[in-house]
Amino acid sequence: MKKSFRIDEFILKYPHVEEKIKENNIDIKALNDIYNDFVDYEISYENQADFISNILRSQPMIHSVKSRIKNPDRLIEKIIRKTEDRKLKYGEDFQFTLENYKNEINDLIGIRVIHIFKDQWQDIHEFITKTWKVIEVTANVREGDNTKKFEELDIEVRSRISGYRSVHYLVEFYPTNEKVIAEIQVRTIFEEGYGEIDHRLRYSHIEIPEILKSNLLLFNRIVGSADEMASLINDLSKEWFNKEEEFLKVIEEQKEELDKLKSLSKK
């Protein structure tokens, strides 16, 4: 059965939106039209998300890929929340409509790419930029992080007080005559763990208590250290493997020389 939009039920679920609807003079009919349109496209979006995900899964440096389609209620909540921001950008007459919401809300399709070691990001970045038309890249970092690699590639850097780390790509493609924009988030397995916990806490509290904030930041520092340690272990492993290869090569060369000497002595 097709989902339907009920403004009374919606306000009960998201009570904070009622005031914003009044403040920004948001048309309830427009919200209803957007909701219904998005629900009609959900299966198509799911197929497109699977298509992008499978392309990414083919890459050996990627550990895992997750995909999701925006929840219809979350979409309407975001539209209500973002209307004020868009009015500042475009003017007081702006309203979200059936014609513009797909261009203004860029995470209708969300893909999450997880990798294990920090230095794998460079290869993933190159693959994404070669495979799709990238219209925006943003690196979310913690204040104090080394951002040199992002600056060298002219990537916008945003410092997050929460310590959230992730590189976000908006990619544009045409599965049909209609343009589709998807958001691809790339992060390490440790950043994913922190991001999931941080996200869950922020959605379960109107405002995060100070004791949780301080412990989250402590946890974030531990996650950052774990990332660095994982990269160090990976580098040491590569170095050890190379040394081992060189050692085995030397042994093989010495064996060949001994065989030659034995052969000469017999003659």
C-alpha atoms as a PDB file:
ATOM      1  CA  MET A   1       0.000   0.000   0.000  1.00  0.00           C
ATOM      2  CA  LYS A   2       1.307   3.443  -1.000  1.00  0.00           C
ATOM      3  CA  LYS A   3       2.466   5.687   1.845  1.00  0.00           C
ATOM      4  CA  SER A   4       0.461   8.874   2.326  1.00  0.00           C
ATOM      5  CA  PHE A   5       1.353  12.228   3.837  1.00  0.00           C
ATOM      6  CA  ARG A   6      -0.717  13.470   6.764  1.00  0.00           C
ATOM      7  CA  ILE A   7       0.357  16.863   8.139  1.00  0.00           C
ATOM      8  CA  ASP A   8      -1.293  16.286  11.535  1.00  0.00           C
ATOM      9  CA  GLU A   9       0.537  12.984  12.019  1.00  0.00           C
ATOM     10  CA  PHE A  10       3.745  14.520  10.708  1.00  0.00           C
ATOM     11  CA  ILE A  11       3.672  17.386  13.242  1.00  0.00           C
ATOM     12  CA  LEU A  12       3.080  14.894  16.053  1.00  0.00           C
ATOM     13  CA  LYS A  13       6.206  13.059  14.905  1.00  0.00           C
ATOM     14  CA  TYR A  14       8.268  16.245  14.373  1.00  0.00           C
ATOM     15  CA  PRO A  15       6.739  18.901  16.657  1.00  0.00           C
ATOM     16  CA  HIS A  16       9.586  21.390  16.012  1.00  0.00           C
ATOM     17  CA  VAL A  17       8.485  21.874  12.366  1.00  0.00           C
ATOM     18  CA  GLU A  18       5.110  23.483  13.118  1.00  0.00           C
ATOM     19  CA  GLU A  19       6.653  26.854  13.975  1.00  0.00           C
ATOM     20  CA  LYS A  20       8.959  26.748  10.931  1.00  0.00           C
ATOM     21  CA  ILE A  21       6.013  26.038   8.612  1.00  0.00           C
ATOM     22  CA  LYS A  22       4.268  29.168   9.912  1.00  0.00           C
ATOM     23  CA  GLU A  23       7.419  31.336   9.955  1.00  0.00           C
ATOM     24  CA  ASN A  24       8.304  30.519   6.348  1.00  0.00           C
ATOM     25  CA  ASN A  25       4.755  30.371   5.033  1.00  0.00           C
ATOM     26  CA  ILE A  26       5.309  26.845   3.669  1.00  0.00           C
ATOM     27  CA  ASP A  27       2.583  25.486   1.397  1.00  0.00           C
ATOM     28  CA  ILE A  28       1.241  22.219   2.833  1.00  0.00           C
ATOM     29  CA  LYS A  29      -0.037  21.144  -0.602  1.00  0.00           C
ATOM     30  CA  ALA A  30       3.500  21.517  -2.008  1.00  0.00           C
ATOM     31  CA  LEU A  31       4.806  19.281   0.786  1.00  0.00           C
ATOM     32  CA  ASN A  32       2.132  16.712  -0.027  1.00  0.00           C
ATOM     33  CA  ASP A  33       3.000  16.808  -3.757  1.00  0.00           C
ATOM     34  CA  ILE A  34       6.728  16.382  -3.044  1.00  0.00           C
ATOM     35  CA  TYR A  35       6.060  13.508  -0.646  1.00  0.00           C
ATOM     36  CA  ASN A  36       3.888  11.654  -3.180  1.00  0.00           C
ATOM     37  CA  ASP A  37       6.339  12.272  -6.024  1.00  0.00           C
ATOM     38  CA  PHE A  38       9.276  10.964  -3.998  1.00  0.00           C
ATOM     39  CA  VAL A  39       7.371   7.839  -2.961  1.00  0.00           C
ATOM     40  CA  ASP A  40       6.597   7.194  -6.658  1.00  0.00           C
ATOM     41  CA  TYR A  41      10.339   7.363  -7.456  1.00  0.00           C
ATOM     42  CA  GLU A  42      11.572   5.282  -4.485  1.00  0.00           C
ATOM     43  CA  ILE A  43      11.998   1.980  -6.369  1.00  0.00           C
ATOM     44  CA  SER A  44      13.808   3.755  -9.207  1.00  0.00           C
ATOM     45  CA  TYR A  45      16.143   5.429  -6.699  1.00  0.00           C
ATOM     46  CA  GLU A  46      16.810   2.093  -4.987  1.00  0.00           C
ATOM     47  CA  ASN A  47      17.815   0.558  -8.331  1.00  0.00           C
ATOM     48  CA  GLN A  48      20.119   3.503  -9.067  1.00  0.00           C
ATOM     49  CA  ALA A  49      21.676   3.253  -5.589  1.00  0.00           C
ATOM     50  CA  ASP A  50      22.340  -0.470  -6.161  1.00  0.00           C
ATOM     51  CA  PHE A  51      23.901   0.305  -9.550  1.00  0.00           C
ATOM     52  CA  ILE A  52      26.343   2.862  -8.082  1.00  0.00           C
ATOM     53  CA  SER A  53      27.115   0.605  -5.121  1.00  0.00           C
ATOM     54  CA  ASN A  54      27.984  -2.369  -7.334  1.00  0.00           C
ATOM     55  CA  ILE A  55      30.394  -0.256  -9.405  1.00  0.00           C
ATOM     56  CA  LEU A  56      32.138   0.840  -6.201  1.00  0.00           C
ATOM     57  CA  ARG A  57      32.224  -2.714  -4.796  1.00  0.00           C
ATOM     58  CA  SER A  58      34.315  -3.781  -7.801  1.00  0.00           C
ATOM     59  CA  GLN A  59      37.286  -1.798  -6.442  1.00  0.00           C
ATOM     60  CA  PRO A  60      39.805  -3.778  -4.336  1.00  0.00           C
ATOM     61  CA  MET A  61      40.735  -0.837  -2.070  1.00  0.00           C
ATOM     62  CA  ILE A  62      37.116  -0.535  -0.876  1.00  0.00           C
ATOM     63  CA  HIS A  63      36.190  -2.623   2.165  1.00  0.00           C
ATOM     64  CA  SER A  64      32.391  -2.313   1.955  1.00  0.00           C
ATOM     65  CA  VAL A  65      29.591  -0.199   0.505  1.00  0.00           C
ATOM     66  CA  LYS A  66      26.230   0.724   2.024  1.00  0.00           C
ATOM     67  CA  SER A  67      23.349   2.483   0.317  1.00  0.00           C
ATOM     68  CA  ARG A  68      20.092   4.042   1.419  1.00  0.00           C
ATOM     69  CA  ILE A  69      17.234   6.065  -0.001  1.00  0.00           C
ATOM     70  CA  LYS A  70      16.070   9.041   2.035  1.00  0.00           C
ATOM     71  CA  ASN A  71      13.087   8.296   4.212  1.00  0.00           C
ATOM     72  CA  PRO A  72      10.055  10.281   2.871  1.00  0.00           C
ATOM     73  CA  ASP A  73       9.297  11.770   6.313  1.00  0.00           C
ATOM     74  CA  ARG A  74      12.954  12.772   6.755  1.00  0.00           C
ATOM     75  CA  LEU A  75      12.844  14.403   3.321  1.00  0.00           C
ATOM     76  CA  ILE A  76       9.862  16.586   4.272  1.00  0.00           C
ATOM     77  CA  GLU A  77      11.437  17.427   7.648  1.00  0.00           C
ATOM     78  CA  LYS A  78      14.633  18.503   5.864  1.00  0.00           C
ATOM     79  CA  ILE A  79      12.707  20.578   3.313  1.00  0.00           C
ATOM     80  CA  ILE A  80      10.938  22.430   6.138  1.00  0.00           C
ATOM     81  CA  ARG A  81      14.223  22.904   8.008  1.00  0.00           C
ATOM     82  CA  LYS A  82      16.121  24.091   4.916  1.00  0.00           C
ATOM     83  CA  THR A  83      13.496  26.532   3.615  1.00  0.00           C
ATOM     84  CA  GLU A  84      14.837  29.397   5.746  1.00  0.00           C
ATOM     85  CA  ASP A  85      18.366  28.788   4.458  1.00  0.00           C
ATOM     86  CA  ARG A  86      17.175  28.755   0.831  1.00  0.00           C
ATOM     87  CA  LYS A  87      15.247  31.984   1.354  1.00  0.00           C
ATOM     88  CA  LEU A  88      18.491  33.634   2.456  1.00  0.00           C
ATOM     89  CA  LYS A  89      20.189  32.241  -0.640  1.00  0.00           C
ATOM     90  CA  TYR A  90      17.521  32.862  -3.286  1.00  0.00           C
ATOM     91  CA  GLY A  91      15.219  35.480  -1.752  1.00  0.00           C
ATOM     92  CA  GLU A  92      12.094  35.605   0.397  1.00  0.00           C
ATOM     93  CA  ASP A  93       9.842  34.270  -2.374  1.00  0.00           C
ATOM     94  CA  PHE A  94      11.617  30.906  -2.504  1.00  0.00           C
ATOM     95  CA  GLN A  95       9.627  27.747  -1.789  1.00  0.00           C
ATOM     96  CA  PHE A  96      10.462  24.095  -2.336  1.00  0.00           C
ATOM     97  CA  THR A  97       8.350  22.709  -5.173  1.00  0.00           C
ATOM     98  CA  LEU A  98       7.848  19.557  -7.203  1.00  0.00           C
ATOM     99  CA  GLU A  99      10.089  21.089  -9.888  1.00  0.00           C
ATOM    100  CA  ASN A 100      13.096  22.089  -7.722  1.00  0.00           C
ATOM    101  CA  TYR A 101      13.354  19.755  -4.729  1.00  0.00           C
ATOM    102  CA  LYS A 102      15.454  17.106  -6.518  1.00  0.00           C
ATOM    103  CA  ASN A 103      18.105  19.701  -7.341  1.00  0.00           C
ATOM    104  CA  GLU A 104      18.055  21.332  -3.904  1.00  0.00           C
ATOM    105  CA  ILE A 105      18.106  18.166  -1.760  1.00  0.00           C
ATOM    106  CA  ASN A 106      21.203  16.296  -2.853  1.00  0.00           C
ATOM    107  CA  ASP A 107      21.123  13.246  -0.594  1.00  0.00           C
ATOM    108  CA  LEU A 108      17.980  11.520  -1.872  1.00  0.00           C
ATOM    109  CA  ILE A 109      20.360   8.701  -2.801  1.00  0.00           C
ATOM    110  CA  GLY A 110      23.065   8.110  -0.209  1.00  0.00           C
ATOM    111  CA  ILE A 111      26.062   5.817  -0.711  1.00  0.00           C
ATOM    112  CA  ARG A 112      28.624   5.129   2.007  1.00  0.00           C
ATOM    113  CA  VAL A 113      32.057   3.802   1.061  1.00  0.00           C
ATOM    114  CA  ILE A 114      34.181   2.257   3.818  1.00  0.00           C
ATOM    115  CA  HIS A 115      37.938   1.663   3.536  1.00  0.00           C
ATOM    116  CA  ILE A 116      40.375   0.296   6.122  1.00  0.00           C
ATOM    117  CA  PHE A 117      43.548   2.399   5.807  1.00  0.00           C
ATOM    118  CA  LYS A 118      43.657   6.191   5.508  1.00  0.00           C
ATOM    119  CA  ASP A 119      45.997   6.205   2.494  1.00  0.00           C
ATOM    120  CA  GLN A 120      43.444   4.214   0.445  1.00  0.00           C
ATOM    121  CA  TRP A 121      41.321   7.369   0.167  1.00  0.00           C
ATOM    122  CA  GLN A 122      43.507   8.764  -2.635  1.00  0.00           C
ATOM    123  CA  ASP A 123      42.795   5.799  -4.944  1.00  0.00           C
ATOM    124  CA  ILE A 124      39.076   5.911  -4.110  1.00  0.00           C
ATOM    125  CA  HIS A 125      39.003   9.653  -4.817  1.00  0.00           C
ATOM    126  CA  GLU A 126      40.619   9.130  -8.232  1.00  0.00           C
ATOM    127  CA  PHE A 127      38.176   6.331  -9.086  1.00  0.00           C
ATOM    128  CA  ILE A 128      35.101   8.409  -8.171  1.00  0.00           C
ATOM    129  CA  THR A 129      36.273  11.490 -10.088  1.00  0.00           C
ATOM    130  CA  LYS A 130      37.075   9.416 -13.193  1.00  0.00           C
ATOM    131  CA  THR A 131      33.829   7.396 -13.084  1.00  0.00           C
ATOM    132  CA  TRP A 132      31.225  10.115 -12.472  1.00  0.00           C
ATOM    133  CA  LYS A 133      30.747  13.822 -13.020  1.00  0.00           C
ATOM    134  CA  VAL A 134      31.556  15.221  -9.580  1.00  0.00           C
ATOM    135  CA  ILE A 135      29.833  18.549  -8.943  1.00  0.00           C
ATOM    136  CA  GLU A 136      31.052  19.073  -5.371  1.00  0.00           C
ATOM    137  CA  VAL A 137      33.579  17.568  -2.938  1.00  0.00           C
ATOM    138  CA  THR A 138      33.748  18.439   0.758  1.00  0.00           C
ATOM    139  CA  ALA A 139      36.190  17.092   3.339  1.00  0.00           C
ATOM    140  CA  ASN A 140      34.772  17.119   6.869  1.00  0.00           C
ATOM    141  CA  VAL A 141      37.607  17.134   9.408  1.00  0.00           C
ATOM    142  CA  ARG A 142      38.286  17.683  13.067  1.00  0.00           C
ATOM    143  CA  GLU A 143      40.033  20.946  13.974  1.00  0.00           C
ATOM    144  CA  GLY A 144      43.780  20.314  14.007  1.00  0.00           C
ATOM    145  CA  ASP A 145      43.691  17.520  11.404  1.00  0.00           C
ATOM    146  CA  ASN A 146      46.275  17.590   8.610  1.00  0.00           C
ATOM    147  CA  THR A 147      44.371  18.915   5.578  1.00  0.00           C
ATOM    148  CA  LYS A 148      47.297  19.254   3.152  1.00  0.00           C
ATOM    149  CA  LYS A 149      46.152  16.414   0.863  1.00  0.00           C
ATOM    150  CA  PHE A 150      42.709  18.028   0.473  1.00  0.00           C
ATOM    151  CA  GLU A 151      44.114  21.510  -0.146  1.00  0.00           C
ATOM    152  CA  GLU A 152      46.477  20.167  -2.832  1.00  0.00           C
ATOM    153  CA  LEU A 153      43.426  18.778  -4.673  1.00  0.00           C
ATOM    154  CA  ASP A 154      41.466  22.018  -4.172  1.00  0.00           C
ATOM    155  CA  ILE A 155      38.848  20.265  -2.014  1.00  0.00           C
ATOM    156  CA  GLU A 156      36.729  22.396   0.322  1.00  0.00           C
ATOM    157  CA  VAL A 157      37.545  21.655   3.966  1.00  0.00           C
ATOM    158  CA  ARG A 158      34.971  22.015   6.754  1.00  0.00           C
ATOM    159  CA  SER A 159      36.100  21.793  10.364  1.00  0.00           C
ATOM    160  CA  ARG A 160      33.504  20.018  12.525  1.00  0.00           C
ATOM    161  CA  ILE A 161      33.296  20.730  16.264  1.00  0.00           C
ATOM    162  CA  SER A 162      31.803  17.255  16.736  1.00  0.00           C
ATOM    163  CA  GLY A 163      34.948  15.671  15.292  1.00  0.00           C
ATOM    164  CA  TYR A 164      32.995  14.083  12.427  1.00  0.00           C
ATOM    165  CA  ARG A 165      35.331  12.997   9.611  1.00  0.00           C
ATOM    166  CA  SER A 166      34.189  12.001   6.119  1.00  0.00           C
ATOM    167  CA  VAL A 167      34.737  13.097   2.513  1.00  0.00           C
ATOM    168  CA  HIS A 168      31.454  13.800   0.690  1.00  0.00           C
ATOM    169  CA  TYR A 169      30.984  13.761  -3.087  1.00  0.00           C
ATOM    170  CA  LEU A 170      27.947  14.940  -5.022  1.00  0.00           C
ATOM    171  CA  VAL A 171      27.872  13.045  -8.316  1.00  0.00           C
ATOM    172  CA  GLU A 172      25.608  13.726 -11.257  1.00  0.00           C
ATOM    173  CA  PHE A 173      24.449  11.135 -13.779  1.00  0.00           C
ATOM    174  CA  TYR A 174      21.616  10.440 -16.224  1.00  0.00           C
ATOM    175  CA  PRO A 175      20.098   6.936 -15.893  1.00  0.00           C
ATOM    176  CA  THR A 176      17.193   8.358 -17.980  1.00  0.00           C
ATOM    177  CA  ASN A 177      16.579  11.770 -19.532  1.00  0.00           C
ATOM    178  CA  GLU A 178      16.199  13.114 -16.009  1.00  0.00           C
ATOM    179  CA  LYS A 179      19.299  14.134 -14.069  1.00  0.00           C
ATOM    180  CA  VAL A 180      19.960  12.375 -10.754  1.00  0.00           C
ATOM    181  CA  ILE A 181      22.299  13.572  -7.997  1.00  0.00           C
ATOM    182  CA  ALA A 182      23.683  11.123  -5.441  1.00  0.00           C
ATOM    183  CA  GLU A 183      25.834  11.709  -2.382  1.00  0.00           C
ATOM    184  CA  ILE A 184      28.813   9.395  -1.855  1.00  0.00           C
ATOM    185  CA  GLN A 185      30.426   9.495   1.591  1.00  0.00           C
ATOM    186  CA  VAL A 186      33.923   8.041   1.947  1.00  0.00           C
ATOM    187  CA  ARG A 187      35.429   7.252   5.356  1.00  0.00           C
ATOM    188  CA  THR A 188      37.614   4.753   7.185  1.00  0.00           C
ATOM    189  CA  ILE A 189      36.162   1.870   9.158  1.00  0.00           C
ATOM    190  CA  PHE A 190      37.058   3.688  12.406  1.00  0.00           C
ATOM    191  CA  GLU A 191      35.449   6.953  11.229  1.00  0.00           C
ATOM    192  CA  GLU A 192      32.337   4.949  10.327  1.00  0.00           C
ATOM    193  CA  GLY A 193      32.072   3.568  13.859  1.00  0.00           C
ATOM    194  CA  TYR A 194      32.384   7.028  15.391  1.00  0.00           C
ATOM    195  CA  GLY A 195      29.987   8.569  12.853  1.00  0.00           C
ATOM    196  CA  GLU A 196      27.278   5.993  13.574  1.00  0.00           C
ATOM    197  CA  ILE A 197      27.487   6.520  17.346  1.00  0.00           C
ATOM    198  CA  ASP A 198      27.565  10.314  16.982  1.00  0.00           C
ATOM    199  CA  HIS A 199      24.582  10.243  14.596  1.00  0.00           C
ATOM    200  CA  ARG A 200      22.522   8.024  16.895  1.00  0.00           C
ATOM    201  CA  LEU A 201      23.144  10.273  19.901  1.00  0.00           C
ATOM    202  CA  ARG A 202      22.282  13.455  18.007  1.00  0.00           C
ATOM    203  CA  TYR A 203      19.000  12.017  16.762  1.00  0.00           C
ATOM    204  CA  SER A 204      17.996  10.695  20.177  1.00  0.00           C
ATOM    205  CA  HIS A 205      18.599  14.021  22.011  1.00  0.00           C
ATOM    206  CA  ILE A 206      17.200  17.473  21.219  1.00  0.00           C
ATOM    207  CA  GLU A 207      20.457  18.775  22.669  1.00  0.00           C
ATOM    208  CA  ILE A 208      23.352  16.510  23.645  1.00  0.00           C
ATOM    209  CA  PRO A 209      24.186  16.773  27.379  1.00  0.00           C
ATOM    210  CA  GLU A 210      27.655  18.161  28.171  1.00  0.00           C
ATOM    211  CA  ILE A 211      28.841  14.888  29.717  1.00  0.00           C
ATOM    212  CA  LEU A 212      28.049  13.082  26.439  1.00  0.00           C
ATOM    213  CA  LYS A 213      29.716  15.820  24.372  1.00  0.00           C
ATOM    214  CA  SER A 214      32.963  15.600  26.344  1.00  0.00           C
ATOM    215  CA  ASN A 215      33.037  11.797  26.155  1.00  0.00           C
ATOM    216  CA  LEU A 216      32.252  11.885  22.434  1.00  0.00           C
ATOM    217  CA  LEU A 217      35.241  14.156  21.850  1.00  0.00           C
ATOM    218  CA  LEU A 218      37.442  11.820  23.902  1.00  0.00           C
ATOM    219  CA  PHE A 219      36.163   8.889  21.860  1.00  0.00           C
ATOM    220  CA  ASN A 220      36.887  10.865  18.691  1.00  0.00           C
ATOM    221  CA  ARG A 221      40.538  11.328  19.716  1.00  0.00           C
ATOM    222  CA  ILE A 222      40.825   7.568  20.356  1.00  0.00           C
ATOM    223  CA  VAL A 223      39.311   6.852  16.925  1.00  0.00           C
ATOM    224  CA  GLY A 224      41.796   9.243  15.300  1.00  0.00           C
ATOM    225  CA  SER A 225      44.686   7.487  17.073  1.00  0.00           C
ATOM    226  CA  ALA A 226      43.351   4.080  16.000  1.00  0.00           C
ATOM    227  CA  ASP A 227      43.267   5.283  12.381  1.00  0.00           C
ATOM    228  CA  GLU A 228      46.868   6.477  12.586  1.00  0.00           C
ATOM    229  CA  MET A 229      47.975   3.221  14.231  1.00  0.00           C
ATOM    230  CA  ALA A 230      46.227   1.114  11.575  1.00  0.00           C
ATOM    231  CA  SER A 231      48.021   3.086   8.843  1.00  0.00           C
ATOM    232  CA  LEU A 232      51.351   2.684  10.638  1.00  0.00           C
ATOM    233  CA  ILE A 233      50.838  -1.095  10.964  1.00  0.00           C
ATOM    234  CA  ASN A 234      49.960  -1.238   7.257  1.00  0.00           C
ATOM    235  CA  ASP A 235      53.121   0.684   6.297  1.00  0.00           C
ATOM    236  CA  LEU A 236      55.268  -1.563   8.523  1.00  0.00           C
ATOM    237  CA  SER A 237      53.654  -4.648   6.978  1.00  0.00           C
ATOM    238  CA  LYS A 238      54.480  -3.407   3.454  1.00  0.00           C
ATOM    239  CA  GLU A 239      58.049  -2.583   4.490  1.00  0.00           C
ATOM    240  CA  TRP A 240      58.494  -6.006   6.120  1.00  0.00           C
ATOM    241  CA  PHE A 241      57.133  -7.750   3.019  1.00  0.00           C
ATOM    242  CA  ASN A 242      59.544  -5.817   0.763  1.00  0.00           C
ATOM    243  CA  LYS A 243      62.510  -6.651   3.025  1.00  0.00           C
ATOM    244  CA  GLU A 244      61.460 -10.309   3.082  1.00  0.00           C
ATOM    245  CA  GLU A 245      61.270 -10.345  -0.732  1.00  0.00           C
ATOM    246  CA  GLU A 246      64.750  -8.795  -0.965  1.00  0.00           C
ATOM    247  CA  PHE A 247      66.124 -11.315   1.556  1.00  0.00           C
ATOM    248  CA  LEU A 248      64.674 -14.277  -0.349  1.00  0.00           C
ATOM    249  CA  LYS A 249      66.076 -12.873  -3.595  1.00  0.00           C
ATOM    250  CA  VAL A 250      69.560 -12.619  -2.067  1.00  0.00           C
ATOM    251  CA  ILE A 251      69.319 -16.213  -0.773  1.00  0.00           C
ATOM    252  CA  GLU A 252      68.241 -17.401  -4.230  1.00  0.00           C
ATOM    253  CA  GLU A 253      71.111 -15.545  -5.907  1.00  0.00           C
ATOM    254  CA  GLN A 254      73.588 -17.044  -3.421  1.00  0.00           C
ATOM    255  CA  LYS A 255      72.190 -20.521  -4.064  1.00  0.00           C
ATOM    256  CA  GLU A 256      72.651 -20.050  -7.805  1.00  0.00           C
ATOM    257  CA  GLU A 257      76.267 -18.924  -7.254  1.00  0.00           C
ATOM    258  CA  LEU A 258      76.982 -21.958  -5.069  1.00  0.00           C
ATOM    259  CA  ASP A 259      75.504 -24.259  -7.705  1.00  0.00           C
ATOM    260  CA  LYS A 260      77.767 -22.667 -10.335  1.00  0.00           C
ATOM    261  CA  LEU A 261      80.856 -23.096  -8.110  1.00  0.00           C
ATOM    262  CA  LYS A 262      79.977 -26.738  -7.422  1.00  0.00           C
ATOM    263  CA  SER A 263      79.565 -27.293 -11.150  1.00  0.00           C
ATOM    264  CA  LEU A 264      82.979 -25.697 -11.890  1.00  0.00           C
ATOM    265  CA  SER A 265      84.741 -27.684  -9.147  1.00  0.00           C
ATOM    266  CA  LYS A 266      83.456 -30.958 -10.610  1.00  0.00           C
ATOM    267  CA  LYS A 267      84.858 -30.014 -13.998  1.00  0.00           C
END
